[in-house]
Every structure is written in structure tokens, then in C-alpha cells.
PDB file of N, CA and C in Angstrom:
ATOM      1  N   UNK A   1      44.636  93.567  50.849  1.00  0.00           N
ATOM      2  CA  UNK A   1      44.067  92.268  51.054  1.00  0.00           C
ATOM      3  C   UNK A   1      42.702  92.427  51.706  1.00  0.00           C
ATOM      4  N   UNK A   2      41.791  91.667  51.247  1.00  0.00           N
ATOM      5  CA  UNK A   2      40.466  91.642  51.845  1.00  0.00           C
ATOM      6  C   UNK A   2      40.111  90.205  52.177  1.00  0.00           C
ATOM      7  N   UNK A   3      39.211  90.064  53.108  1.00  0.00           N
ATOM      8  CA  UNK A   3      38.768  88.726  53.463  1.00  0.00           C
ATOM      9  C   UNK A   3      39.602  88.115  54.571  1.00  0.00           C
ATOM     10  N   UNK A   4      39.079  87.044  55.144  1.00  0.00           N
ATOM     11  CA  UNK A   4      39.737  86.357  56.247  1.00  0.00           C
ATOM     12  C   UNK A   4      40.920  85.543  55.740  1.00  0.00           C
ATOM     13  N   UNK A   5      41.941  85.454  56.549  1.00  0.00           N
ATOM     14  CA  UNK A   5      43.122  84.682  56.189  1.00  0.00           C
ATOM     15  C   UNK A   5      43.149  83.328  56.893  1.00  0.00           C
ATOM     16  N   UNK A   6      42.187  83.068  57.717  1.00  0.00           N
ATOM     17  CA  UNK A   6      42.148  81.795  58.418  1.00  0.00           C
ATOM     18  C   UNK A   6      43.208  81.666  59.498  1.00  0.00           C
ATOM     19  N   UNK A   7      43.541  82.784  60.154  1.00  0.00           N
ATOM     20  CA  UNK A   7      44.593  82.774  61.159  1.00  0.00           C
ATOM     21  C   UNK A   7      44.048  82.782  62.587  1.00  0.00           C
ATOM     22  N   UNK A   8      42.777  82.772  62.753  1.00  0.00           N
ATOM     23  CA  UNK A   8      42.182  82.810  64.079  1.00  0.00           C
ATOM     24  C   UNK A   8      42.660  81.627  64.910  1.00  0.00           C
ATOM     25  N   UNK A   9      43.176  81.939  66.112  1.00  0.00           N
ATOM     26  CA  UNK A   9      43.647  80.899  67.021  1.00  0.00           C
ATOM     27  C   UNK A   9      45.038  80.383  66.719  1.00  0.00           C
ATOM     28  N   UNK A  10      45.707  80.919  65.697  1.00  0.00           N
ATOM     29  CA  UNK A  10      47.050  80.458  65.337  1.00  0.00           C
ATOM     30  C   UNK A  10      48.077  81.508  65.756  1.00  0.00           C
ATOM     31  N   UNK A  11      49.283  81.055  66.033  1.00  0.00           N
ATOM     32  CA  UNK A  11      50.372  81.980  66.333  1.00  0.00           C
ATOM     33  C   UNK A  11      50.866  82.576  65.024  1.00  0.00           C
ATOM     34  N   UNK A  12      51.003  83.891  65.011  1.00  0.00           N
ATOM     35  CA  UNK A  12      51.417  84.593  63.803  1.00  0.00           C
ATOM     36  C   UNK A  12      52.669  85.409  64.125  1.00  0.00           C
ATOM     37  N   UNK A  13      53.648  85.381  63.246  1.00  0.00           N
ATOM     38  CA  UNK A  13      54.887  86.120  63.419  1.00  0.00           C
ATOM     39  C   UNK A  13      55.113  86.985  62.188  1.00  0.00           C
ATOM     40  N   UNK A  14      55.500  88.229  62.423  1.00  0.00           N
ATOM     41  CA  UNK A  14      55.840  89.128  61.335  1.00  0.00           C
ATOM     42  C   UNK A  14      57.355  89.115  61.176  1.00  0.00           C
ATOM     43  N   UNK A  15      57.829  88.757  60.013  1.00  0.00           N
ATOM     44  CA  UNK A  15      59.266  88.693  59.753  1.00  0.00           C
ATOM     45  C   UNK A  15      59.684  89.968  59.046  1.00  0.00           C
ATOM     46  N   UNK A  16      60.666  90.659  59.625  1.00  0.00           N
ATOM     47  CA  UNK A  16      61.216  91.853  59.003  1.00  0.00           C
ATOM     48  C   UNK A  16      62.564  91.494  58.404  1.00  0.00           C
ATOM     49  N   UNK A  17      62.755  91.803  57.154  1.00  0.00           N
ATOM     50  CA  UNK A  17      64.037  91.524  56.529  1.00  0.00           C
ATOM     51  C   UNK A  17      64.244  92.493  55.382  1.00  0.00           C
ATOM     52  N   UNK A  18      65.435  92.510  54.893  1.00  0.00           N
ATOM     53  CA  UNK A  18      65.717  93.348  53.744  1.00  0.00           C
ATOM     54  C   UNK A  18      66.624  94.506  54.089  1.00  0.00           C
ATOM     55  N   UNK A  19      67.123  95.161  53.079  1.00  0.00           N
ATOM     56  CA  UNK A  19      68.065  96.262  53.245  1.00  0.00           C
ATOM     57  C   UNK A  19      67.407  97.602  53.481  1.00  0.00           C
ATOM     58  N   UNK A  20      66.081  97.642  53.539  1.00  0.00           N
ATOM     59  CA  UNK A  20      65.430  98.944  53.681  1.00  0.00           C
ATOM     60  C   UNK A  20      65.071  99.256  55.136  1.00  0.00           C
ATOM     61  N   UNK A  21      65.636  98.522  56.093  1.00  0.00           N
ATOM     62  CA  UNK A  21      65.380  98.786  57.503  1.00  0.00           C
ATOM     63  C   UNK A  21      66.295  99.919  57.952  1.00  0.00           C
ATOM     64  N   UNK A  22      65.725 100.925  58.582  1.00  0.00           N
ATOM     65  CA  UNK A  22      66.472 102.079  59.070  1.00  0.00           C
ATOM     66  C   UNK A  22      67.236 101.679  60.332  1.00  0.00           C
ATOM     67  N   UNK A  23      68.553 101.587  60.237  1.00  0.00           N
ATOM     68  CA  UNK A  23      69.390 101.139  61.346  1.00  0.00           C
ATOM     69  C   UNK A  23      69.271 102.084  62.545  1.00  0.00           C
ATOM     70  N   UNK A  24      69.148 103.367  62.296  1.00  0.00           N
ATOM     71  CA  UNK A  24      68.999 104.325  63.384  1.00  0.00           C
ATOM     72  C   UNK A  24      67.709 104.075  64.145  1.00  0.00           C
ATOM     73  N   UNK A  25      66.633 103.801  63.431  1.00  0.00           N
ATOM     74  CA  UNK A  25      65.358 103.508  64.079  1.00  0.00           C
ATOM     75  C   UNK A  25      65.445 102.219  64.887  1.00  0.00           C
ATOM     76  N   UNK A  26      66.067 101.192  64.323  1.00  0.00           N
ATOM     77  CA  UNK A  26      66.241  99.925  65.040  1.00  0.00           C
ATOM     78  C   UNK A  26      67.023 100.161  66.334  1.00  0.00           C
ATOM     79  N   UNK A  27      68.071 100.977  66.261  1.00  0.00           N
ATOM     80  CA  UNK A  27      68.883 101.289  67.438  1.00  0.00           C
ATOM     81  C   UNK A  27      68.042 101.954  68.523  1.00  0.00           C
ATOM     82  N   UNK A  28      67.210 102.916  68.129  1.00  0.00           N
ATOM     83  CA  UNK A  28      66.341 103.596  69.103  1.00  0.00           C
ATOM     84  C   UNK A  28      65.356 102.626  69.736  1.00  0.00           C
ATOM     85  N   UNK A  29      64.812 101.724  68.922  1.00  0.00           N
ATOM     86  CA  UNK A  29      63.859 100.736  69.437  1.00  0.00           C
ATOM     87  C   UNK A  29      64.546  99.829  70.452  1.00  0.00           C
ATOM     88  N   UNK A  30      65.747  99.381  70.132  1.00  0.00           N
ATOM     89  CA  UNK A  30      66.492  98.509  71.048  1.00  0.00           C
ATOM     90  C   UNK A  30      66.798  99.243  72.347  1.00  0.00           C
ATOM     91  N   UNK A  31      67.266 100.486  72.266  1.00  0.00           N
ATOM     92  CA  UNK A  31      67.614 101.241  73.478  1.00  0.00           C
ATOM     93  C   UNK A  31      66.386 101.496  74.345  1.00  0.00           C
ATOM     94  N   UNK A  32      65.263 101.792  73.736  1.00  0.00           N
ATOM     95  CA  UNK A  32      64.034 101.978  74.529  1.00  0.00           C
ATOM     96  C   UNK A  32      63.616 100.678  75.189  1.00  0.00           C
ATOM     97  N   UNK A  33      63.790  99.573  74.475  1.00  0.00           N
ATOM     98  CA  UNK A  33      63.482  98.267  75.054  1.00  0.00           C
ATOM     99  C   UNK A  33      64.379  97.964  76.240  1.00  0.00           C
ATOM    100  N   UNK A  34      65.678  98.271  76.118  1.00  0.00           N
ATOM    101  CA  UNK A  34      66.608  98.062  77.222  1.00  0.00           C
ATOM    102  C   UNK A  34      66.212  98.919  78.425  1.00  0.00           C
ATOM    103  N   UNK A  35      65.842 100.160  78.178  1.00  0.00           N
ATOM    104  CA  UNK A  35      65.431 101.042  79.275  1.00  0.00           C
ATOM    105  C   UNK A  35      64.157 100.536  79.942  1.00  0.00           C
ATOM    106  N   UNK A  36      63.204 100.072  79.154  1.00  0.00           N
ATOM    107  CA  UNK A  36      61.951  99.594  79.735  1.00  0.00           C
ATOM    108  C   UNK A  36      62.143  98.291  80.508  1.00  0.00           C
ATOM    109  N   UNK A  37      63.235  97.560  80.241  1.00  0.00           N
ATOM    110  CA  UNK A  37      63.554  96.333  80.976  1.00  0.00           C
ATOM    111  C   UNK A  37      64.494  96.575  82.154  1.00  0.00           C
ATOM    112  N   UNK A  38      64.879  97.833  82.378  1.00  0.00           N
ATOM    113  CA  UNK A  38      65.803  98.133  83.466  1.00  0.00           C
ATOM    114  C   UNK A  38      67.248  97.804  83.134  1.00  0.00           C
ATOM    115  N   UNK A  39      67.554  97.652  81.866  1.00  0.00           N
ATOM    116  CA  UNK A  39      68.921  97.312  81.451  1.00  0.00           C
ATOM    117  C   UNK A  39      69.710  98.550  81.014  1.00  0.00           C
ATOM    118  N   UNK A  40      69.052  99.692  81.042  1.00  0.00           N
ATOM    119  CA  UNK A  40      69.673 100.955  80.675  1.00  0.00           C
ATOM    120  C   UNK A  40      69.003 102.024  81.517  1.00  0.00           C
ATOM    121  N   UNK A  41      69.783 102.885  82.150  1.00  0.00           N
ATOM    122  CA  UNK A  41      69.173 103.976  82.923  1.00  0.00           C
ATOM    123  C   UNK A  41      70.011 105.231  82.790  1.00  0.00           C
ATOM    124  N   UNK A  42      69.409 106.349  83.101  1.00  0.00           N
ATOM    125  CA  UNK A  42      70.097 107.637  83.036  1.00  0.00           C
ATOM    126  C   UNK A  42      69.941 108.324  84.376  1.00  0.00           C
ATOM    127  N   UNK A  43      71.062 108.814  84.902  1.00  0.00           N
ATOM    128  CA  UNK A  43      71.075 109.553  86.163  1.00  0.00           C
ATOM    129  C   UNK A  43      71.665 110.934  85.932  1.00  0.00           C
ATOM    130  N   UNK A  44      71.181 111.888  86.709  1.00  0.00           N
ATOM    131  CA  UNK A  44      71.687 113.259  86.663  1.00  0.00           C
ATOM    132  C   UNK A  44      72.304 113.540  88.024  1.00  0.00           C
ATOM    133  N   UNK A  45      73.632 113.561  88.088  1.00  0.00           N
ATOM    134  CA  UNK A  45      74.336 113.774  89.348  1.00  0.00           C
ATOM    135  C   UNK A  45      74.796 115.219  89.445  1.00  0.00           C
ATOM    136  N   UNK A  46      74.902 115.676  90.670  1.00  0.00           N
ATOM    137  CA  UNK A  46      75.385 117.030  90.944  1.00  0.00           C
ATOM    138  C   UNK A  46      76.608 116.869  91.849  1.00  0.00           C
ATOM    139  N   UNK A  47      77.778 117.187  91.326  1.00  0.00           N
ATOM    140  CA  UNK A  47      79.016 116.996  92.082  1.00  0.00           C
ATOM    141  C   UNK A  47      79.784 118.308  92.154  1.00  0.00           C
ATOM    142  N   UNK A  48      80.750 118.368  93.076  1.00  0.00           N
ATOM    143  CA  UNK A  48      81.581 119.567  93.165  1.00  0.00           C
ATOM    144  C   UNK A  48      82.502 119.627  91.954  1.00  0.00           C
ATOM    145  N   UNK A  49      82.838 120.820  91.566  1.00  0.00           N
ATOM    146  CA  UNK A  49      83.738 121.011  90.429  1.00  0.00           C
ATOM    147  C   UNK A  49      85.172 121.066  90.950  1.00  0.00           C
ATOM    148  N   UNK A  50      85.604 119.947  91.498  1.00  0.00           N
ATOM    149  CA  UNK A  50      86.933 119.811  92.075  1.00  0.00           C
ATOM    150  C   UNK A  50      87.615 118.592  91.455  1.00  0.00           C
ATOM    151  N   UNK A  51      88.919 118.605  91.363  1.00  0.00           N
ATOM    152  CA  UNK A  51      89.619 117.437  90.837  1.00  0.00           C
ATOM    153  C   UNK A  51      89.243 116.171  91.618  1.00  0.00           C
ATOM    154  N   UNK A  52      88.912 115.130  90.900  1.00  0.00           N
ATOM    155  CA  UNK A  52      88.582 113.858  91.516  1.00  0.00           C
ATOM    156  C   UNK A  52      87.103 113.591  91.704  1.00  0.00           C
ATOM    157  N   UNK A  53      86.242 114.613  91.585  1.00  0.00           N
ATOM    158  CA  UNK A  53      84.803 114.413  91.797  1.00  0.00           C
ATOM    159  C   UNK A  53      84.194 113.487  90.752  1.00  0.00           C
ATOM    160  N   UNK A  54      84.552 113.682  89.507  1.00  0.00           N
ATOM    161  CA  UNK A  54      84.027 112.822  88.449  1.00  0.00           C
ATOM    162  C   UNK A  54      84.571 111.398  88.608  1.00  0.00           C
ATOM    163  N   UNK A  55      85.842 111.291  89.000  1.00  0.00           N
ATOM    164  CA  UNK A  55      86.439 109.974  89.233  1.00  0.00           C
ATOM    165  C   UNK A  55      85.746 109.272  90.399  1.00  0.00           C
ATOM    166  N   UNK A  56      85.390 110.026  91.433  1.00  0.00           N
ATOM    167  CA  UNK A  56      84.677 109.439  92.581  1.00  0.00           C
ATOM    168  C   UNK A  56      83.314 108.901  92.145  1.00  0.00           C
ATOM    169  N   UNK A  57      82.596 109.679  91.350  1.00  0.00           N
ATOM    170  CA  UNK A  57      81.300 109.235  90.832  1.00  0.00           C
ATOM    171  C   UNK A  57      81.474 107.944  90.027  1.00  0.00           C
ATOM    172  N   UNK A  58      82.450 107.911  89.146  1.00  0.00           N
ATOM    173  CA  UNK A  58      82.693 106.727  88.319  1.00  0.00           C
ATOM    174  C   UNK A  58      83.066 105.520  89.185  1.00  0.00           C
ATOM    175  N   UNK A  59      83.832 105.742  90.247  1.00  0.00           N
ATOM    176  CA  UNK A  59      84.214 104.643  91.137  1.00  0.00           C
ATOM    177  C   UNK A  59      83.011 104.078  91.863  1.00  0.00           C
ATOM    178  N   UNK A  60      82.140 104.943  92.366  1.00  0.00           N
ATOM    179  CA  UNK A  60      80.930 104.472  93.053  1.00  0.00           C
ATOM    180  C   UNK A  60      80.092 103.636  92.095  1.00  0.00           C
ATOM    181  N   UNK A  61      79.927 104.120  90.875  1.00  0.00           N
ATOM    182  CA  UNK A  61      79.141 103.385  89.878  1.00  0.00           C
ATOM    183  C   UNK A  61      79.810 102.054  89.521  1.00  0.00           C
ATOM    184  N   UNK A  62      81.117 102.063  89.346  1.00  0.00           N
ATOM    185  CA  UNK A  62      81.842 100.840  89.012  1.00  0.00           C
ATOM    186  C   UNK A  62      81.807  99.823  90.142  1.00  0.00           C
ATOM    187  N   UNK A  63      81.912 100.311  91.380  1.00  0.00           N
ATOM    188  CA  UNK A  63      81.910  99.402  92.533  1.00  0.00           C
ATOM    189  C   UNK A  63      80.598  98.642  92.668  1.00  0.00           C
ATOM    190  N   UNK A  64      79.505  99.239  92.189  1.00  0.00           N
ATOM    191  CA  UNK A  64      78.207  98.567  92.285  1.00  0.00           C
ATOM    192  C   UNK A  64      77.883  97.805  90.990  1.00  0.00           C
ATOM    193  N   UNK A  65      78.815  97.792  90.049  1.00  0.00           N
ATOM    194  CA  UNK A  65      78.661  96.981  88.843  1.00  0.00           C
ATOM    195  C   UNK A  65      77.941  97.644  87.694  1.00  0.00           C
ATOM    196  N   UNK A  66      77.805  98.970  87.739  1.00  0.00           N
ATOM    197  CA  UNK A  66      77.177  99.685  86.625  1.00  0.00           C
ATOM    198  C   UNK A  66      78.242  99.972  85.561  1.00  0.00           C
ATOM    199  N   UNK A  67      77.882  99.767  84.315  1.00  0.00           N
ATOM    200  CA  UNK A  67      78.785 100.054  83.213  1.00  0.00           C
ATOM    201  C   UNK A  67      78.381 101.383  82.588  1.00  0.00           C
ATOM    202  N   UNK A  68      79.310 102.333  82.568  1.00  0.00           N
ATOM    203  CA  UNK A  68      79.010 103.658  82.018  1.00  0.00           C
ATOM    204  C   UNK A  68      79.023 103.579  80.502  1.00  0.00           C
ATOM    205  N   UNK A  69      77.869 103.890  79.929  1.00  0.00           N
ATOM    206  CA  UNK A  69      77.744 103.899  78.468  1.00  0.00           C
ATOM    207  C   UNK A  69      78.049 105.277  77.907  1.00  0.00           C
ATOM    208  N   UNK A  70      77.630 106.301  78.651  1.00  0.00           N
ATOM    209  CA  UNK A  70      77.822 107.675  78.187  1.00  0.00           C
ATOM    210  C   UNK A  70      77.871 108.587  79.403  1.00  0.00           C
ATOM    211  N   UNK A  71      78.709 109.616  79.335  1.00  0.00           N
ATOM    212  CA  UNK A  71      78.780 110.601  80.417  1.00  0.00           C
ATOM    213  C   UNK A  71      78.921 111.994  79.807  1.00  0.00           C
ATOM    214  N   UNK A  72      78.173 112.935  80.365  1.00  0.00           N
ATOM    215  CA  UNK A  72      78.275 114.333  79.940  1.00  0.00           C
ATOM    216  C   UNK A  72      78.554 115.169  81.174  1.00  0.00           C
ATOM    217  N   UNK A  73      79.690 115.806  81.181  1.00  0.00           N
ATOM    218  CA  UNK A  73      80.160 116.623  82.296  1.00  0.00           C
ATOM    219  C   UNK A  73      79.956 118.073  81.871  1.00  0.00           C
ATOM    220  N   UNK A  74      78.927 118.727  82.395  1.00  0.00           N
ATOM    221  CA  UNK A  74      78.521 120.052  81.912  1.00  0.00           C
ATOM    222  C   UNK A  74      78.967 121.149  82.873  1.00  0.00           C
ATOM    223  N   UNK A  75      80.056 121.804  82.541  1.00  0.00           N
ATOM    224  CA  UNK A  75      80.574 122.889  83.381  1.00  0.00           C
ATOM    225  C   UNK A  75      80.020 124.254  82.946  1.00  0.00           C
ATOM    226  N   UNK A  76      79.554 124.350  81.726  1.00  0.00           N
ATOM    227  CA  UNK A  76      79.184 125.659  81.188  1.00  0.00           C
ATOM    228  C   UNK A  76      77.720 126.023  81.404  1.00  0.00           C
ATOM    229  N   UNK A  77      76.836 125.057  81.398  1.00  0.00           N
ATOM    230  CA  UNK A  77      75.412 125.332  81.524  1.00  0.00           C
ATOM    231  C   UNK A  77      74.835 124.664  82.765  1.00  0.00           C
ATOM    232  N   UNK A  78      75.657 124.455  83.750  1.00  0.00           N
ATOM    233  CA  UNK A  78      75.247 123.777  84.970  1.00  0.00           C
ATOM    234  C   UNK A  78      74.530 124.709  85.931  1.00  0.00           C
ATOM    235  N   UNK A  79      74.524 124.334  87.202  1.00  0.00           N
ATOM    236  CA  UNK A  79      73.816 125.108  88.214  1.00  0.00           C
ATOM    237  C   UNK A  79      74.450 126.481  88.429  1.00  0.00           C
ATOM    238  N   UNK A  80      73.724 127.348  89.120  1.00  0.00           N
ATOM    239  CA  UNK A  80      74.215 128.701  89.385  1.00  0.00           C
ATOM    240  C   UNK A  80      75.478 128.682  90.242  1.00  0.00           C
ATOM    241  N   UNK A  81      75.607 127.689  91.084  1.00  0.00           N
ATOM    242  CA  UNK A  81      76.784 127.549  91.928  1.00  0.00           C
ATOM    243  C   UNK A  81      77.968 127.116  91.064  1.00  0.00           C
ATOM    244  N   UNK A  82      78.940 128.011  90.869  1.00  0.00           N
ATOM    245  CA  UNK A  82      80.072 127.702  89.994  1.00  0.00           C
ATOM    246  C   UNK A  82      81.016 126.673  90.601  1.00  0.00           C
ATOM    247  N   UNK A  83      80.800 126.309  91.854  1.00  0.00           N
ATOM    248  CA  UNK A  83      81.632 125.295  92.498  1.00  0.00           C
ATOM    249  C   UNK A  83      81.059 123.890  92.309  1.00  0.00           C
ATOM    250  N   UNK A  84      79.945 123.781  91.574  1.00  0.00           N
ATOM    251  CA  UNK A  84      79.372 122.462  91.316  1.00  0.00           C
ATOM    252  C   UNK A  84      79.108 122.300  89.823  1.00  0.00           C
ATOM    253  N   UNK A  85      78.896 121.060  89.436  1.00  0.00           N
ATOM    254  CA  UNK A  85      78.732 120.741  88.019  1.00  0.00           C
ATOM    255  C   UNK A  85      77.690 119.634  87.885  1.00  0.00           C
ATOM    256  N   UNK A  86      76.943 119.668  86.804  1.00  0.00           N
ATOM    257  CA  UNK A  86      75.973 118.609  86.514  1.00  0.00           C
ATOM    258  C   UNK A  86      76.633 117.555  85.643  1.00  0.00           C
ATOM    259  N   UNK A  87      76.375 116.296  85.978  1.00  0.00           N
ATOM    260  CA  UNK A  87      76.910 115.178  85.211  1.00  0.00           C
ATOM    261  C   UNK A  87      75.741 114.268  84.845  1.00  0.00           C
ATOM    262  N   UNK A  88      75.540 114.046  83.562  1.00  0.00           N
ATOM    263  CA  UNK A  88      74.511 113.117  83.091  1.00  0.00           C
ATOM    264  C   UNK A  88      75.215 111.826  82.727  1.00  0.00           C
ATOM    265  N   UNK A  89      74.750 110.718  83.317  1.00  0.00           N
ATOM    266  CA  UNK A  89      75.386 109.423  83.104  1.00  0.00           C
ATOM    267  C   UNK A  89      74.345 108.428  82.611  1.00  0.00           C
ATOM    268  N   UNK A  90      74.618 107.795  81.483  1.00  0.00           N
ATOM    269  CA  UNK A  90      73.786 106.706  80.992  1.00  0.00           C
ATOM    270  C   UNK A  90      74.516 105.411  81.332  1.00  0.00           C
ATOM    271  N   UNK A  91      73.789 104.505  81.986  1.00  0.00           N
ATOM    272  CA  UNK A  91      74.403 103.289  82.510  1.00  0.00           C
ATOM    273  C   UNK A  91      73.766 102.037  81.943  1.00  0.00           C
ATOM    274  N   UNK A  92      74.579 101.031  81.685  1.00  0.00           N
ATOM    275  CA  UNK A  92      74.072  99.703  81.371  1.00  0.00           C
ATOM    276  C   UNK A  92      73.937  98.976  82.703  1.00  0.00           C
ATOM    277  N   UNK A  93      72.744  98.439  82.965  1.00  0.00           N
ATOM    278  CA  UNK A  93      72.438  97.807  84.240  1.00  0.00           C
ATOM    279  C   UNK A  93      71.851  96.422  84.007  1.00  0.00           C
ATOM    280  N   UNK A  94      71.705  95.649  85.095  1.00  0.00           N
ATOM    281  CA  UNK A  94      71.183  94.294  84.971  1.00  0.00           C
ATOM    282  C   UNK A  94      69.655  94.264  84.965  1.00  0.00           C
ATOM    283  N   UNK A  95      69.044  95.057  85.840  1.00  0.00           N
ATOM    284  CA  UNK A  95      67.590  95.065  85.985  1.00  0.00           C
ATOM    285  C   UNK A  95      67.208  96.216  86.918  1.00  0.00           C
ATOM    286  N   UNK A  96      65.925  96.327  87.259  1.00  0.00           N
ATOM    287  CA  UNK A  96      65.465  97.417  88.109  1.00  0.00           C
ATOM    288  C   UNK A  96      66.036  97.308  89.524  1.00  0.00           C
ATOM    289  N   UNK A  97      66.238  96.099  90.022  1.00  0.00           N
ATOM    290  CA  UNK A  97      66.860  95.940  91.341  1.00  0.00           C
ATOM    291  C   UNK A  97      68.278  96.500  91.340  1.00  0.00           C
ATOM    292  N   UNK A  98      68.994  96.287  90.254  1.00  0.00           N
ATOM    293  CA  UNK A  98      70.353  96.814  90.132  1.00  0.00           C
ATOM    294  C   UNK A  98      70.326  98.343  90.141  1.00  0.00           C
ATOM    295  N   UNK A  99      69.349  98.925  89.466  1.00  0.00           N
ATOM    296  CA  UNK A  99      69.220 100.390  89.469  1.00  0.00           C
ATOM    297  C   UNK A  99      69.005 100.893  90.888  1.00  0.00           C
ATOM    298  N   UNK A 100      68.189 100.192  91.667  1.00  0.00           N
ATOM    299  CA  UNK A 100      67.969 100.583  93.063  1.00  0.00           C
ATOM    300  C   UNK A 100      69.254 100.459  93.877  1.00  0.00           C
ATOM    301  N   UNK A 101      70.068  99.437  93.609  1.00  0.00           N
ATOM    302  CA  UNK A 101      71.361  99.287  94.287  1.00  0.00           C
ATOM    303  C   UNK A 101      72.280 100.465  93.948  1.00  0.00           C
ATOM    304  N   UNK A 102      72.245 100.899  92.703  1.00  0.00           N
ATOM    305  CA  UNK A 102      73.058 102.041  92.270  1.00  0.00           C
ATOM    306  C   UNK A 102      72.626 103.293  93.015  1.00  0.00           C
ATOM    307  N   UNK A 103      71.320 103.519  93.089  1.00  0.00           N
ATOM    308  CA  UNK A 103      70.807 104.701  93.793  1.00  0.00           C
ATOM    309  C   UNK A 103      71.207 104.668  95.262  1.00  0.00           C
ATOM    310  N   UNK A 104      71.123 103.508  95.876  1.00  0.00           N
ATOM    311  CA  UNK A 104      71.495 103.361  97.284  1.00  0.00           C
ATOM    312  C   UNK A 104      72.978 103.686  97.482  1.00  0.00           C
ATOM    313  N   UNK A 105      73.824 103.191  96.574  1.00  0.00           N
ATOM    314  CA  UNK A 105      75.264 103.454  96.665  1.00  0.00           C
ATOM    315  C   UNK A 105      75.563 104.943  96.513  1.00  0.00           C
ATOM    316  N   UNK A 106      74.853 105.612  95.609  1.00  0.00           N
ATOM    317  CA  UNK A 106      75.051 107.056  95.431  1.00  0.00           C
ATOM    318  C   UNK A 106      74.630 107.815  96.686  1.00  0.00           C
ATOM    319  N   UNK A 107      73.500 107.433  97.272  1.00  0.00           N
ATOM    320  CA  UNK A 107      73.040 108.081  98.506  1.00  0.00           C
ATOM    321  C   UNK A 107      74.043 107.867  99.636  1.00  0.00           C
ATOM    322  N   UNK A 108      74.553 106.625  99.767  1.00  0.00           N
ATOM    323  CA  UNK A 108      75.528 106.330 100.812  1.00  0.00           C
ATOM    324  C   UNK A 108      76.819 107.125 100.616  1.00  0.00           C
ATOM    325  N   UNK A 109      77.151 107.430  99.370  1.00  0.00           N
ATOM    326  CA  UNK A 109      78.355 108.202  99.062  1.00  0.00           C
ATOM    327  C   UNK A 109      78.091 109.701  99.090  1.00  0.00           C
ATOM    328  N   UNK A 110      76.863 110.067  99.456  1.00  0.00           N
ATOM    329  CA  UNK A 110      76.456 111.481  99.544  1.00  0.00           C
ATOM    330  C   UNK A 110      76.599 112.221  98.212  1.00  0.00           C
ATOM    331  N   UNK A 111      76.316 111.502  97.116  1.00  0.00           N
ATOM    332  CA  UNK A 111      76.300 112.112  95.794  1.00  0.00           C
ATOM    333  C   UNK A 111      74.857 112.465  95.477  1.00  0.00           C
ATOM    334  N   UNK A 112      74.607 113.747  95.262  1.00  0.00           N
ATOM    335  CA  UNK A 112      73.258 114.212  94.943  1.00  0.00           C
ATOM    336  C   UNK A 112      72.923 113.830  93.504  1.00  0.00           C
ATOM    337  N   UNK A 113      71.712 113.287  93.293  1.00  0.00           N
ATOM    338  CA  UNK A 113      71.346 112.855  91.943  1.00  0.00           C
ATOM    339  C   UNK A 113      69.826 112.824  91.811  1.00  0.00           C
ATOM    340  N   UNK A 114      69.387 112.818  90.580  1.00  0.00           N
ATOM    341  CA  UNK A 114      68.000 112.523  90.226  1.00  0.00           C
ATOM    342  C   UNK A 114      68.077 111.498  89.108  1.00  0.00           C
ATOM    343  N   UNK A 115      66.982 110.791  88.902  1.00  0.00           N
ATOM    344  CA  UNK A 115      66.996 109.789  87.847  1.00  0.00           C
ATOM    345  C   UNK A 115      65.893 110.070  86.846  1.00  0.00           C
ATOM    346  N   UNK A 116      66.101 109.604  85.634  1.00  0.00           N
ATOM    347  CA  UNK A 116      65.115 109.760  84.575  1.00  0.00           C
ATOM    348  C   UNK A 116      64.092 108.631  84.669  1.00  0.00           C
ATOM    349  N   UNK A 117      62.871 108.943  84.491  1.00  0.00           N
ATOM    350  CA  UNK A 117      61.741 108.029  84.375  1.00  0.00           C
ATOM    351  C   UNK A 117      61.576 107.072  85.540  1.00  0.00           C
ATOM    352  N   UNK A 118      62.327 105.966  85.596  1.00  0.00           N
ATOM    353  CA  UNK A 118      62.094 104.889  86.560  1.00  0.00           C
ATOM    354  C   UNK A 118      62.678 105.227  87.917  1.00  0.00           C
ATOM    355  N   UNK A 119      62.209 106.311  88.541  1.00  0.00           N
ATOM    356  CA  UNK A 119      62.787 106.710  89.813  1.00  0.00           C
ATOM    357  C   UNK A 119      62.103 106.123  90.992  1.00  0.00           C
TER     358      UNK A 119
END
């Protein structure tokens, strides 16, 4: 197309439709949007490799209202200390304030962690 369309000063919307939309790409776009809005976060916790440690982490997260979307409990490629384990947790959250509440609860429970991006 060449030439002006006469859209200056008007609201314009691009409508996407049809069966040729890549569902995997749409999913990635949605998840990135959720993360950028503070509705999805990822934490890397370091817990002891003892019975109940993972359950304790899940309880702390549940008590503060975080919904666990995904958890990876890595015993094989974790830290050099064989008595500890790395746990990666992806959480559904309400907003950035909620993420801060989660971090505070983890600190109060003496659970060592780092967070991805929005730390």
C-alpha cells in the first residue's frame, strides 16, 4: 500500500484472526505480559535436602497466597553441598506488591532465595 490512509488523529486497532496464529507464540506473549505485570514470577530457593523441606517451602508460599504454577526440585545438578537442593518455583501472583509480600515471608521463614528479573 502506498499513500495516506487518512488515519491521522483516529484510533486504529489491528484485528488478529484466523487459524494461522501460532498458539505457542501466543502463549509466550501472554506469559511475558503476565510477568511484566507482576502476575507471574520465578524464584530460586535453596533448601535442605531433608524430608519436609519442599513441603515447608510450598506452605510458606501458600500461606501468603501464591499459587504454584511450576516447581523444579533439582537434586542432581544443585549446589556443591549435597545436603541442600535448588528449587525453581514459578508462581502466579496478584501484582508486584504481592511478590514483595512473598519475598518477605520467605525471609521471615529463613528460606534462602533469589528472584528472576523483578528483584
